[in-house]
Amino acid sequence: MPNIIFIIIVLFITSISVGIIGNTIGIGGGILLVPFFLFYMHMPPLEASGLSLFTIVASTSGGSLKFIKEKIIDFKLFLMIVLFAVPAAAAGSILSKYINTNEFKGIFSFIIIIIGIFSLTATRMQTKKNIYSSHNHNNHNNSNEEADTSDINARMHNGTVNNDENIETLSGTNNSIDLRLQSVIIYFKHISSNIKRKRIDMTGNKYDYYIKKPIAINLFSILAGFISGFIGIGIGGITGTFLTAVEQIPPRIAFSTIVLAMIFSSVAGGFIHLAYMKLSFKTIIYLIPLMVGAIIGSQVGAVVSKLLKSRTVRLYQGWIIIVLGFLMFVISYFK
């Protein structure tokens, strides 16, 4: 067993790497940390998942501050994710208590491989769809464009497109109903509608997009939150892929928003793990280099994320996840 100083150095370097990768491709870093804790540190699953979730909190906190300053986080989208992911993460954390080490390794490997395949498949399908859409767009004339605009205006008039101006008008009426209740009513009324979103970051870049299926985002957030609490990873692998490849939300907006949401889902899961595991002095010592390194790495990752093309980001995400899943499977069953 390496001495404590060596372990602290290794943890610090590892957490910096995890912070960079997690904030660059939006996977939170748990996919890298949990195997490291299990196979190198020989920790039990409960402790490995708990330390991973707390490291994710530190990593995503640092990245989120930078993203908030850059004005690229969509707070409406954030609420759609976090309100459903947090209770699901708590449920997954409770269930993880009843899984032994060997079972955990097998389940972890399987889930990671599936997430990676989903990420790659969705990205490739979306790329083909974009090429097809671009080809059709080039064949449209001005009259078709005007018809499309008229159709959108008609849908907005009928309430099938819900933008910020609609929400402000409805919530600003002199109705005696509490504004919070109005917001809930509006949300469920338009739960299967397109929600038009516009963002302008601090450098002047404009993002126009739609949140197409809020209910689908809620469901994927529940799934991602549960898996996050259960095996100690971030929610970005699942939710990020769905938002960018299926919902077609700009990757910079999607990943930045998910990074903020991961703070809350990871805190929920982390504290439940903390309550179940025996917190020793050694564990506390491990947390210090992990969290400091994760904060440093998150700042670097937030900068690197701006330099990568959106499709490149998603392909990196998919391949990293798949490779890690297969490596863990091989180590677990052919050791």
C-alpha atoms as a PDB file:
ATOM      1  CA  MET A   1       0.000   0.000   0.000  1.00  0.00           C
ATOM      2  CA  PRO A   2       1.575   3.311  -1.065  1.00  0.00           C
ATOM      3  CA  ASN A   3       2.213   5.807   1.715  1.00  0.00           C
ATOM      4  CA  ILE A   4      -0.274   8.592   2.455  1.00  0.00           C
ATOM      5  CA  ILE A   5       1.820  11.365   0.837  1.00  0.00           C
ATOM      6  CA  PHE A   6       2.010   9.480  -2.445  1.00  0.00           C
ATOM      7  CA  ILE A   7      -1.737   8.819  -2.354  1.00  0.00           C
ATOM      8  CA  ILE A   8      -2.485  12.509  -1.778  1.00  0.00           C
ATOM      9  CA  ILE A   9      -0.317  13.483  -4.773  1.00  0.00           C
ATOM     10  CA  VAL A  10      -1.987  10.870  -6.974  1.00  0.00           C
ATOM     11  CA  LEU A  11      -5.459  11.972  -5.860  1.00  0.00           C
ATOM     12  CA  PHE A  12      -4.613  15.606  -6.554  1.00  0.00           C
ATOM     13  CA  ILE A  13      -3.324  14.917 -10.085  1.00  0.00           C
ATOM     14  CA  THR A  14      -6.233  12.586 -10.828  1.00  0.00           C
ATOM     15  CA  SER A  15      -8.833  15.091  -9.670  1.00  0.00           C
ATOM     16  CA  ILE A  16      -7.300  17.844 -11.825  1.00  0.00           C
ATOM     17  CA  SER A  17      -7.564  15.553 -14.866  1.00  0.00           C
ATOM     18  CA  VAL A  18     -11.128  14.629 -13.942  1.00  0.00           C
ATOM     19  CA  GLY A  19     -12.072  18.290 -13.504  1.00  0.00           C
ATOM     20  CA  ILE A  20     -10.712  19.171 -16.940  1.00  0.00           C
ATOM     21  CA  ILE A  21     -12.408  16.271 -18.725  1.00  0.00           C
ATOM     22  CA  GLY A  22     -15.671  16.592 -16.820  1.00  0.00           C
ATOM     23  CA  ASN A  23     -16.131  20.304 -17.490  1.00  0.00           C
ATOM     24  CA  THR A  24     -14.981  19.963 -21.106  1.00  0.00           C
ATOM     25  CA  ILE A  25     -17.392  17.223 -22.173  1.00  0.00           C
ATOM     26  CA  GLY A  26     -20.010  17.513 -19.429  1.00  0.00           C
ATOM     27  CA  ILE A  27     -19.741  14.074 -17.799  1.00  0.00           C
ATOM     28  CA  GLY A  28     -18.976  15.224 -14.267  1.00  0.00           C
ATOM     29  CA  GLY A  29     -15.878  13.063 -13.789  1.00  0.00           C
ATOM     30  CA  GLY A  30     -17.448  10.248 -11.769  1.00  0.00           C
ATOM     31  CA  ILE A  31     -17.015   7.844 -14.676  1.00  0.00           C
ATOM     32  CA  LEU A  32     -13.263   8.294 -14.214  1.00  0.00           C
ATOM     33  CA  LEU A  33     -13.159   8.530 -10.433  1.00  0.00           C
ATOM     34  CA  VAL A  34     -15.212   5.511  -9.405  1.00  0.00           C
ATOM     35  CA  PRO A  35     -13.037   2.953 -11.262  1.00  0.00           C
ATOM     36  CA  PHE A  36      -9.950   4.678  -9.833  1.00  0.00           C
ATOM     37  CA  PHE A  37     -11.287   4.356  -6.288  1.00  0.00           C
ATOM     38  CA  LEU A  38     -12.396   0.763  -6.781  1.00  0.00           C
ATOM     39  CA  PHE A  39      -9.359  -0.687  -8.524  1.00  0.00           C
ATOM     40  CA  TYR A  40      -6.451   1.451  -7.380  1.00  0.00           C
ATOM     41  CA  MET A  41      -7.598   2.538  -3.924  1.00  0.00           C
ATOM     42  CA  HIS A  42      -9.525  -0.712  -3.289  1.00  0.00           C
ATOM     43  CA  MET A  43     -12.423   1.147  -1.693  1.00  0.00           C
ATOM     44  CA  PRO A  44     -15.854  -0.406  -1.108  1.00  0.00           C
ATOM     45  CA  PRO A  45     -18.536   0.802  -3.585  1.00  0.00           C
ATOM     46  CA  LEU A  46     -20.367   2.977  -1.061  1.00  0.00           C
ATOM     47  CA  GLU A  47     -17.231   4.929  -0.176  1.00  0.00           C
ATOM     48  CA  ALA A  48     -16.053   5.113  -3.792  1.00  0.00           C
ATOM     49  CA  SER A  49     -19.392   6.515  -4.962  1.00  0.00           C
ATOM     50  CA  GLY A  50     -19.607   8.950  -2.058  1.00  0.00           C
ATOM     51  CA  LEU A  51     -16.117  10.385  -2.618  1.00  0.00           C
ATOM     52  CA  SER A  52     -16.831  10.596  -6.336  1.00  0.00           C
ATOM     53  CA  LEU A  53     -20.025  12.582  -5.798  1.00  0.00           C
ATOM     54  CA  PHE A  54     -18.361  15.055  -3.437  1.00  0.00           C
ATOM     55  CA  THR A  55     -15.500  15.522  -5.913  1.00  0.00           C
ATOM     56  CA  ILE A  56     -18.069  16.196  -8.621  1.00  0.00           C
ATOM     57  CA  VAL A  57     -19.597  18.889  -6.391  1.00  0.00           C
ATOM     58  CA  ALA A  58     -16.228  20.659  -6.148  1.00  0.00           C
ATOM     59  CA  SER A  59     -15.524  20.253  -9.864  1.00  0.00           C
ATOM     60  CA  THR A  60     -18.914  21.456 -11.039  1.00  0.00           C
ATOM     61  CA  SER A  61     -18.998  24.346  -8.559  1.00  0.00           C
ATOM     62  CA  GLY A  62     -15.822  25.809 -10.000  1.00  0.00           C
ATOM     63  CA  GLY A  63     -17.016  25.361 -13.576  1.00  0.00           C
ATOM     64  CA  SER A  64     -20.492  26.704 -12.838  1.00  0.00           C
ATOM     65  CA  LEU A  65     -19.181  30.001 -11.481  1.00  0.00           C
ATOM     66  CA  LYS A  66     -17.341  30.574 -14.734  1.00  0.00           C
ATOM     67  CA  PHE A  67     -20.361  29.574 -16.818  1.00  0.00           C
ATOM     68  CA  ILE A  68     -22.666  31.886 -14.836  1.00  0.00           C
ATOM     69  CA  LYS A  69     -20.316  34.822 -15.429  1.00  0.00           C
ATOM     70  CA  GLU A  70     -20.300  33.988 -19.133  1.00  0.00           C
ATOM     71  CA  LYS A  71     -24.145  34.021 -19.142  1.00  0.00           C
ATOM     72  CA  ILE A  72     -24.495  30.711 -20.967  1.00  0.00           C
ATOM     73  CA  ILE A  73     -26.569  28.794 -18.414  1.00  0.00           C
ATOM     74  CA  ASP A  74     -30.260  28.365 -19.234  1.00  0.00           C
ATOM     75  CA  PHE A  75     -31.964  28.580 -15.843  1.00  0.00           C
ATOM     76  CA  LYS A  76     -35.362  27.405 -17.097  1.00  0.00           C
ATOM     77  CA  LEU A  77     -33.703  24.308 -18.505  1.00  0.00           C
ATOM     78  CA  PHE A  78     -31.777  23.977 -15.240  1.00  0.00           C
ATOM     79  CA  LEU A  79     -35.030  23.780 -13.257  1.00  0.00           C
ATOM     80  CA  MET A  80     -36.439  21.177 -15.639  1.00  0.00           C
ATOM     81  CA  ILE A  81     -33.431  19.005 -14.882  1.00  0.00           C
ATOM     82  CA  VAL A  82     -32.688  19.579 -11.211  1.00  0.00           C
ATOM     83  CA  LEU A  83     -36.230  19.316  -9.844  1.00  0.00           C
ATOM     84  CA  PHE A  84     -36.415  15.745 -11.116  1.00  0.00           C
ATOM     85  CA  ALA A  85     -32.771  14.631 -10.910  1.00  0.00           C
ATOM     86  CA  VAL A  86     -32.272  15.467  -7.217  1.00  0.00           C
ATOM     87  CA  PRO A  87     -34.949  13.178  -5.708  1.00  0.00           C
ATOM     88  CA  ALA A  88     -33.964  10.441  -8.165  1.00  0.00           C
ATOM     89  CA  ALA A  89     -30.307  10.748  -7.065  1.00  0.00           C
ATOM     90  CA  ALA A  90     -31.395  10.368  -3.454  1.00  0.00           C
ATOM     91  CA  ALA A  91     -33.333   7.203  -4.324  1.00  0.00           C
ATOM     92  CA  GLY A  92     -30.390   5.723  -6.231  1.00  0.00           C
ATOM     93  CA  SER A  93     -28.032   6.449  -3.341  1.00  0.00           C
ATOM     94  CA  ILE A  94     -30.292   4.613  -0.913  1.00  0.00           C
ATOM     95  CA  LEU A  95     -30.422   1.551  -3.173  1.00  0.00           C
ATOM     96  CA  SER A  96     -26.622   1.446  -3.576  1.00  0.00           C
ATOM     97  CA  LYS A  97     -26.280   0.474   0.087  1.00  0.00           C
ATOM     98  CA  TYR A  98     -27.560  -3.013  -0.707  1.00  0.00           C
ATOM     99  CA  ILE A  99     -25.097  -3.833  -3.536  1.00  0.00           C
ATOM    100  CA  ASN A 100     -21.847  -5.704  -2.837  1.00  0.00           C
ATOM    101  CA  THR A 101     -18.531  -4.933  -4.528  1.00  0.00           C
ATOM    102  CA  ASN A 102     -18.593  -7.595  -7.255  1.00  0.00           C
ATOM    103  CA  GLU A 103     -22.181  -6.836  -8.205  1.00  0.00           C
ATOM    104  CA  PHE A 104     -21.396  -3.121  -8.236  1.00  0.00           C
ATOM    105  CA  LYS A 105     -18.454  -3.553 -10.625  1.00  0.00           C
ATOM    106  CA  GLY A 106     -20.570  -5.516 -13.087  1.00  0.00           C
ATOM    107  CA  ILE A 107     -23.502  -3.096 -12.929  1.00  0.00           C
ATOM    108  CA  PHE A 108     -21.200  -0.098 -13.240  1.00  0.00           C
ATOM    109  CA  SER A 109     -19.460  -1.505 -16.334  1.00  0.00           C
ATOM    110  CA  PHE A 110     -22.758  -2.350 -18.017  1.00  0.00           C
ATOM    111  CA  ILE A 111     -24.318   1.060 -17.346  1.00  0.00           C
ATOM    112  CA  ILE A 112     -21.221   2.939 -18.526  1.00  0.00           C
ATOM    113  CA  ILE A 113     -21.027   0.990 -21.801  1.00  0.00           C
ATOM    114  CA  ILE A 114     -24.739   1.599 -22.485  1.00  0.00           C
ATOM    115  CA  ILE A 115     -24.356   5.323 -21.796  1.00  0.00           C
ATOM    116  CA  GLY A 116     -21.373   5.492 -24.160  1.00  0.00           C
ATOM    117  CA  ILE A 117     -23.186   3.645 -26.945  1.00  0.00           C
ATOM    118  CA  PHE A 118     -26.218   5.894 -26.494  1.00  0.00           C
ATOM    119  CA  SER A 119     -23.993   8.972 -26.722  1.00  0.00           C
ATOM    120  CA  LEU A 120     -22.208   7.856 -29.899  1.00  0.00           C
ATOM    121  CA  THR A 121     -25.348   6.565 -31.624  1.00  0.00           C
ATOM    122  CA  ALA A 122     -27.351   9.700 -30.882  1.00  0.00           C
ATOM    123  CA  THR A 123     -24.497  11.918 -32.078  1.00  0.00           C
ATOM    124  CA  ARG A 124     -24.074  10.055 -35.366  1.00  0.00           C
ATOM    125  CA  MET A 125     -27.822  10.008 -36.022  1.00  0.00           C
ATOM    126  CA  GLN A 126     -28.026  13.732 -35.340  1.00  0.00           C
ATOM    127  CA  THR A 127     -25.118  14.434 -37.693  1.00  0.00           C
ATOM    128  CA  LYS A 128     -26.867  12.587 -40.519  1.00  0.00           C
ATOM    129  CA  LYS A 129     -30.104  14.402 -39.739  1.00  0.00           C
ATOM    130  CA  ASN A 130     -28.348  17.779 -39.858  1.00  0.00           C
ATOM    131  CA  ILE A 131     -26.825  16.949 -43.252  1.00  0.00           C
ATOM    132  CA  TYR A 132     -30.239  15.911 -44.572  1.00  0.00           C
ATOM    133  CA  SER A 133     -31.912  19.025 -43.155  1.00  0.00           C
ATOM    134  CA  SER A 134     -29.219  21.260 -44.596  1.00  0.00           C
ATOM    135  CA  HIS A 135     -29.673  19.681 -48.043  1.00  0.00           C
ATOM    136  CA  ASN A 136     -33.434  20.218 -47.940  1.00  0.00           C
ATOM    137  CA  HIS A 137     -33.005  23.784 -46.716  1.00  0.00           C
ATOM    138  CA  ASN A 138     -30.850  24.638 -49.730  1.00  0.00           C
ATOM    139  CA  ASN A 139     -33.671  23.465 -52.013  1.00  0.00           C
ATOM    140  CA  HIS A 140     -36.296  25.711 -50.427  1.00  0.00           C
ATOM    141  CA  ASN A 141     -37.239  28.998 -52.111  1.00  0.00           C
ATOM    142  CA  ASN A 142     -38.316  32.234 -50.471  1.00  0.00           C
ATOM    143  CA  SER A 143     -42.008  31.362 -50.643  1.00  0.00           C
ATOM    144  CA  ASN A 144     -41.372  28.212 -48.648  1.00  0.00           C
ATOM    145  CA  GLU A 145     -39.468  30.203 -46.043  1.00  0.00           C
ATOM    146  CA  GLU A 146     -42.364  32.642 -45.756  1.00  0.00           C
ATOM    147  CA  ALA A 147     -44.769  29.723 -45.337  1.00  0.00           C
ATOM    148  CA  ASP A 148     -42.606  28.286 -42.598  1.00  0.00           C
ATOM    149  CA  THR A 149     -42.582  31.642 -40.838  1.00  0.00           C
ATOM    150  CA  SER A 150     -46.351  31.909 -41.117  1.00  0.00           C
ATOM    151  CA  ASP A 151     -46.717  28.418 -39.702  1.00  0.00           C
ATOM    152  CA  ILE A 152     -44.536  29.279 -36.714  1.00  0.00           C
ATOM    153  CA  ASN A 153     -46.495  32.475 -36.110  1.00  0.00           C
ATOM    154  CA  ALA A 154     -49.742  30.516 -36.251  1.00  0.00           C
ATOM    155  CA  ARG A 155     -48.441  27.962 -33.787  1.00  0.00           C
ATOM    156  CA  MET A 156     -47.351  30.733 -31.448  1.00  0.00           C
ATOM    157  CA  HIS A 157     -50.809  32.272 -31.684  1.00  0.00           C
ATOM    158  CA  ASN A 158     -52.396  28.909 -30.870  1.00  0.00           C
ATOM    159  CA  GLY A 159     -50.129  28.417 -27.854  1.00  0.00           C
ATOM    160  CA  THR A 160     -48.047  25.531 -29.202  1.00  0.00           C
ATOM    161  CA  VAL A 161     -44.873  27.587 -29.017  1.00  0.00           C
ATOM    162  CA  ASN A 162     -44.176  28.992 -25.605  1.00  0.00           C
ATOM    163  CA  ASN A 163     -41.581  31.770 -25.401  1.00  0.00           C
ATOM    164  CA  ASP A 164     -40.420  34.056 -22.648  1.00  0.00           C
ATOM    165  CA  GLU A 165     -42.780  36.831 -23.673  1.00  0.00           C
ATOM    166  CA  ASN A 166     -45.790  34.511 -23.312  1.00  0.00           C
ATOM    167  CA  ILE A 167     -44.698  33.502 -19.817  1.00  0.00           C
ATOM    168  CA  GLU A 168     -44.115  37.063 -18.680  1.00  0.00           C
ATOM    169  CA  THR A 169     -47.523  38.148 -19.961  1.00  0.00           C
ATOM    170  CA  LEU A 170     -49.373  35.313 -18.281  1.00  0.00           C
ATOM    171  CA  SER A 171     -47.540  35.638 -14.984  1.00  0.00           C
ATOM    172  CA  GLY A 172     -47.983  39.386 -14.929  1.00  0.00           C
ATOM    173  CA  THR A 173     -51.785  39.411 -14.960  1.00  0.00           C
ATOM    174  CA  ASN A 174     -53.746  40.829 -12.030  1.00  0.00           C
ATOM    175  CA  ASN A 175     -55.156  37.458 -11.138  1.00  0.00           C
ATOM    176  CA  SER A 176     -55.528  36.647  -7.460  1.00  0.00           C
ATOM    177  CA  ILE A 177     -53.816  33.269  -7.985  1.00  0.00           C
ATOM    178  CA  ASP A 178     -50.296  33.219  -6.604  1.00  0.00           C
ATOM    179  CA  LEU A 179     -47.690  33.727  -9.329  1.00  0.00           C
ATOM    180  CA  ARG A 180     -45.947  30.511  -8.359  1.00  0.00           C
ATOM    181  CA  LEU A 181     -49.139  28.575  -8.894  1.00  0.00           C
ATOM    182  CA  GLN A 182     -49.559  30.293 -12.255  1.00  0.00           C
ATOM    183  CA  SER A 183     -46.070  29.176 -13.237  1.00  0.00           C
ATOM    184  CA  VAL A 184     -46.930  25.565 -12.384  1.00  0.00           C
ATOM    185  CA  ILE A 185     -50.157  25.784 -14.391  1.00  0.00           C
ATOM    186  CA  ILE A 186     -48.335  27.293 -17.363  1.00  0.00           C
ATOM    187  CA  TYR A 187     -45.636  24.626 -17.175  1.00  0.00           C
ATOM    188  CA  PHE A 188     -48.054  21.703 -17.253  1.00  0.00           C
ATOM    189  CA  LYS A 189     -50.222  23.393 -19.893  1.00  0.00           C
ATOM    190  CA  HIS A 190     -47.268  23.599 -22.236  1.00  0.00           C
ATOM    191  CA  ILE A 191     -45.433  20.499 -21.036  1.00  0.00           C
ATOM    192  CA  SER A 192     -45.402  18.932 -24.497  1.00  0.00           C
ATOM    193  CA  SER A 193     -44.829  22.195 -26.372  1.00  0.00           C
ATOM    194  CA  ASN A 194     -41.861  23.912 -27.898  1.00  0.00           C
ATOM    195  CA  ILE A 195     -40.350  26.522 -25.592  1.00  0.00           C
ATOM    196  CA  LYS A 196     -38.401  29.118 -27.518  1.00  0.00           C
ATOM    197  CA  ARG A 197     -35.156  30.160 -25.850  1.00  0.00           C
ATOM    198  CA  LYS A 198     -32.640  32.898 -26.573  1.00  0.00           C
ATOM    199  CA  ARG A 199     -29.279  33.389 -24.921  1.00  0.00           C
ATOM    200  CA  ILE A 200     -26.554  35.982 -25.502  1.00  0.00           C
ATOM    201  CA  ASP A 201     -23.293  35.295 -23.696  1.00  0.00           C
ATOM    202  CA  MET A 202     -20.875  37.905 -22.389  1.00  0.00           C
ATOM    203  CA  THR A 203     -18.888  37.899 -25.649  1.00  0.00           C
ATOM    204  CA  GLY A 204     -21.992  38.602 -27.750  1.00  0.00           C
ATOM    205  CA  ASN A 205     -22.536  35.099 -29.141  1.00  0.00           C
ATOM    206  CA  LYS A 206     -26.244  34.458 -29.762  1.00  0.00           C
ATOM    207  CA  TYR A 207     -28.012  31.140 -29.197  1.00  0.00           C
ATOM    208  CA  ASP A 208     -31.535  30.596 -30.568  1.00  0.00           C
ATOM    209  CA  TYR A 209     -33.070  27.202 -29.879  1.00  0.00           C
ATOM    210  CA  TYR A 210     -36.160  25.346 -28.681  1.00  0.00           C
ATOM    211  CA  ILE A 211     -36.775  23.117 -25.696  1.00  0.00           C
ATOM    212  CA  LYS A 212     -38.934  20.713 -27.649  1.00  0.00           C
ATOM    213  CA  LYS A 213     -40.189  18.172 -25.120  1.00  0.00           C
ATOM    214  CA  PRO A 214     -39.972  19.313 -21.483  1.00  0.00           C
ATOM    215  CA  ILE A 215     -41.587  16.097 -20.232  1.00  0.00           C
ATOM    216  CA  ALA A 216     -38.897  14.023 -21.978  1.00  0.00           C
ATOM    217  CA  ILE A 217     -36.198  16.121 -20.311  1.00  0.00           C
ATOM    218  CA  ASN A 218     -37.886  15.463 -16.954  1.00  0.00           C
ATOM    219  CA  LEU A 219     -37.922  11.706 -17.563  1.00  0.00           C
ATOM    220  CA  PHE A 220     -34.285  11.573 -18.677  1.00  0.00           C
ATOM    221  CA  SER A 221     -33.343  13.675 -15.645  1.00  0.00           C
ATOM    222  CA  ILE A 222     -35.007  11.109 -13.381  1.00  0.00           C
ATOM    223  CA  LEU A 223     -33.076   8.289 -15.073  1.00  0.00           C
ATOM    224  CA  ALA A 224     -29.784  10.216 -14.978  1.00  0.00           C
ATOM    225  CA  GLY A 225     -30.307  11.239 -11.349  1.00  0.00           C
ATOM    226  CA  PHE A 226     -31.047   7.695 -10.224  1.00  0.00           C
ATOM    227  CA  ILE A 227     -27.963   6.283 -11.952  1.00  0.00           C
ATOM    228  CA  SER A 228     -25.871   9.165 -10.560  1.00  0.00           C
ATOM    229  CA  GLY A 229     -26.807   8.340  -6.984  1.00  0.00           C
ATOM    230  CA  PHE A 230     -26.582   4.599  -7.533  1.00  0.00           C
ATOM    231  CA  ILE A 231     -23.067   4.355  -9.010  1.00  0.00           C
ATOM    232  CA  GLY A 232     -21.611   7.769  -8.114  1.00  0.00           C
ATOM    233  CA  ILE A 233     -21.308   9.450 -11.516  1.00  0.00           C
ATOM    234  CA  GLY A 234     -22.572  12.781 -12.828  1.00  0.00           C
ATOM    235  CA  ILE A 235     -25.815  13.210 -14.754  1.00  0.00           C
ATOM    236  CA  GLY A 236     -24.075  14.618 -17.845  1.00  0.00           C
ATOM    237  CA  GLY A 237     -23.467  11.356 -19.689  1.00  0.00           C
ATOM    238  CA  ILE A 238     -27.187  10.721 -20.135  1.00  0.00           C
ATOM    239  CA  THR A 239     -28.773  14.152 -19.892  1.00  0.00           C
ATOM    240  CA  GLY A 240     -26.073  15.888 -21.932  1.00  0.00           C
ATOM    241  CA  THR A 241     -26.427  13.467 -24.812  1.00  0.00           C
ATOM    242  CA  PHE A 242     -30.205  13.778 -24.813  1.00  0.00           C
ATOM    243  CA  LEU A 243     -30.162  17.577 -24.744  1.00  0.00           C
ATOM    244  CA  THR A 244     -27.596  17.977 -27.516  1.00  0.00           C
ATOM    245  CA  ALA A 245     -28.353  15.059 -29.843  1.00  0.00           C
ATOM    246  CA  VAL A 246     -32.113  14.709 -29.426  1.00  0.00           C
ATOM    247  CA  GLU A 247     -33.315  18.124 -28.242  1.00  0.00           C
ATOM    248  CA  GLN A 248     -30.623  19.822 -30.386  1.00  0.00           C
ATOM    249  CA  ILE A 249     -29.826  22.376 -27.721  1.00  0.00           C
ATOM    250  CA  PRO A 250     -26.423  24.035 -28.373  1.00  0.00           C
ATOM    251  CA  PRO A 251     -23.750  21.961 -26.572  1.00  0.00           C
ATOM    252  CA  ARG A 252     -22.254  24.987 -24.815  1.00  0.00           C
ATOM    253  CA  ILE A 253     -25.652  25.834 -23.315  1.00  0.00           C
ATOM    254  CA  ALA A 254     -26.561  22.212 -22.541  1.00  0.00           C
ATOM    255  CA  PHE A 255     -23.279  21.179 -20.900  1.00  0.00           C
ATOM    256  CA  SER A 256     -22.953  24.418 -18.915  1.00  0.00           C
ATOM    257  CA  THR A 257     -26.487  24.038 -17.580  1.00  0.00           C
ATOM    258  CA  ILE A 258     -25.931  20.381 -16.711  1.00  0.00           C
ATOM    259  CA  VAL A 259     -22.721  21.195 -14.853  1.00  0.00           C
ATOM    260  CA  LEU A 260     -24.716  23.510 -12.574  1.00  0.00           C
ATOM    261  CA  ALA A 261     -27.464  20.909 -12.113  1.00  0.00           C
ATOM    262  CA  MET A 262     -24.847  18.306 -11.170  1.00  0.00           C
ATOM    263  CA  ILE A 263     -23.958  20.295  -8.062  1.00  0.00           C
ATOM    264  CA  PHE A 264     -27.406  19.709  -6.612  1.00  0.00           C
ATOM    265  CA  SER A 265     -27.857  16.098  -7.719  1.00  0.00           C
ATOM    266  CA  SER A 266     -24.379  15.176  -6.483  1.00  0.00           C
ATOM    267  CA  VAL A 267     -24.923  16.877  -3.112  1.00  0.00           C
ATOM    268  CA  ALA A 268     -28.169  14.946  -2.651  1.00  0.00           C
ATOM    269  CA  GLY A 269     -26.517  11.619  -3.443  1.00  0.00           C
ATOM    270  CA  GLY A 270     -23.272  12.434  -1.652  1.00  0.00           C
ATOM    271  CA  PHE A 271     -24.826  13.193   1.710  1.00  0.00           C
ATOM    272  CA  ILE A 272     -26.843   9.985   1.654  1.00  0.00           C
ATOM    273  CA  HIS A 273     -23.667   8.011   0.905  1.00  0.00           C
ATOM    274  CA  LEU A 274     -21.964   9.921   3.702  1.00  0.00           C
ATOM    275  CA  ALA A 275     -24.719   8.942   6.119  1.00  0.00           C
ATOM    276  CA  TYR A 276     -24.309   5.246   5.235  1.00  0.00           C
ATOM    277  CA  MET A 277     -20.543   4.921   5.113  1.00  0.00           C
ATOM    278  CA  LYS A 278     -18.196   5.104   8.076  1.00  0.00           C
ATOM    279  CA  LEU A 279     -16.473   8.476   7.709  1.00  0.00           C
ATOM    280  CA  SER A 280     -12.884   8.038   8.881  1.00  0.00           C
ATOM    281  CA  PHE A 281     -10.064  10.550   9.271  1.00  0.00           C
ATOM    282  CA  LYS A 282      -8.395   8.962   6.241  1.00  0.00           C
ATOM    283  CA  THR A 283     -11.479   9.620   4.116  1.00  0.00           C
ATOM    284  CA  ILE A 284     -11.505  13.279   5.139  1.00  0.00           C
ATOM    285  CA  ILE A 285      -7.803  13.564   4.226  1.00  0.00           C
ATOM    286  CA  TYR A 286      -8.583  12.086   0.803  1.00  0.00           C
ATOM    287  CA  LEU A 287     -11.332  14.642   0.199  1.00  0.00           C
ATOM    288  CA  ILE A 288      -8.988  17.632   0.485  1.00  0.00           C
ATOM    289  CA  PRO A 289      -6.709  16.945  -2.547  1.00  0.00           C
ATOM    290  CA  LEU A 290      -9.679  15.592  -4.499  1.00  0.00           C
ATOM    291  CA  MET A 291     -11.759  18.733  -4.094  1.00  0.00           C
ATOM    292  CA  VAL A 292      -8.884  21.202  -4.541  1.00  0.00           C
ATOM    293  CA  GLY A 293      -7.697  19.430  -7.683  1.00  0.00           C
ATOM    294  CA  ALA A 294     -11.237  19.225  -9.053  1.00  0.00           C
ATOM    295  CA  ILE A 295     -11.735  22.986  -8.636  1.00  0.00           C
ATOM    296  CA  ILE A 296      -8.476  23.727 -10.491  1.00  0.00           C
ATOM    297  CA  GLY A 297      -9.330  21.271 -13.254  1.00  0.00           C
ATOM    298  CA  SER A 298     -12.832  22.666 -13.632  1.00  0.00           C
ATOM    299  CA  GLN A 299     -11.485  26.120 -14.443  1.00  0.00           C
ATOM    300  CA  VAL A 300      -9.222  24.715 -17.135  1.00  0.00           C
ATOM    301  CA  GLY A 301     -12.035  22.543 -18.503  1.00  0.00           C
ATOM    302  CA  ALA A 302     -14.406  25.500 -18.779  1.00  0.00           C
ATOM    303  CA  VAL A 303     -11.841  27.276 -20.974  1.00  0.00           C
ATOM    304  CA  VAL A 304     -11.065  24.205 -23.089  1.00  0.00           C
ATOM    305  CA  SER A 305     -14.783  23.600 -23.747  1.00  0.00           C
ATOM    306  CA  LYS A 306     -14.960  26.857 -25.713  1.00  0.00           C
ATOM    307  CA  LEU A 307     -12.222  25.697 -28.077  1.00  0.00           C
ATOM    308  CA  LEU A 308     -13.870  22.449 -29.186  1.00  0.00           C
ATOM    309  CA  LYS A 309     -16.497  21.968 -31.888  1.00  0.00           C
ATOM    310  CA  SER A 310     -19.856  20.683 -30.647  1.00  0.00           C
ATOM    311  CA  ARG A 311     -19.735  17.399 -32.543  1.00  0.00           C
ATOM    312  CA  THR A 312     -16.168  16.814 -31.376  1.00  0.00           C
ATOM    313  CA  VAL A 313     -17.272  17.316 -27.782  1.00  0.00           C
ATOM    314  CA  ARG A 314     -20.036  14.726 -28.086  1.00  0.00           C
ATOM    315  CA  LEU A 315     -17.826  12.169 -29.860  1.00  0.00           C
ATOM    316  CA  TYR A 316     -15.155  12.547 -27.186  1.00  0.00           C
ATOM    317  CA  GLN A 317     -17.804  12.026 -24.557  1.00  0.00           C
ATOM    318  CA  GLY A 318     -19.095   8.815 -26.148  1.00  0.00           C
ATOM    319  CA  TRP A 319     -15.706   7.236 -26.810  1.00  0.00           C
ATOM    320  CA  ILE A 320     -14.296   8.060 -23.372  1.00  0.00           C
ATOM    321  CA  ILE A 321     -17.329   6.506 -21.690  1.00  0.00           C
ATOM    322  CA  ILE A 322     -17.279   3.339 -23.814  1.00  0.00           C
ATOM    323  CA  VAL A 323     -13.535   2.750 -23.386  1.00  0.00           C
ATOM    324  CA  LEU A 324     -13.782   3.162 -19.629  1.00  0.00           C
ATOM    325  CA  GLY A 325     -16.740   0.799 -19.444  1.00  0.00           C
ATOM    326  CA  PHE A 326     -14.948  -1.955 -21.362  1.00  0.00           C
ATOM    327  CA  LEU A 327     -11.734  -1.484 -19.393  1.00  0.00           C
ATOM    328  CA  MET A 328     -13.603  -1.865 -16.136  1.00  0.00           C
ATOM    329  CA  PHE A 329     -15.411  -4.941 -17.456  1.00  0.00           C
ATOM    330  CA  VAL A 330     -12.130  -6.568 -18.502  1.00  0.00           C
ATOM    331  CA  ILE A 331     -10.420  -5.772 -15.198  1.00  0.00           C
ATOM    332  CA  SER A 332     -13.404  -7.041 -13.227  1.00  0.00           C
ATOM    333  CA  TYR A 333     -13.902 -10.384 -14.962  1.00  0.00           C
ATOM    334  CA  PHE A 334     -10.500 -11.310 -16.378  1.00  0.00           C
ATOM    335  CA  LYS A 335      -8.286 -10.232 -13.526  1.00  0.00           C
END
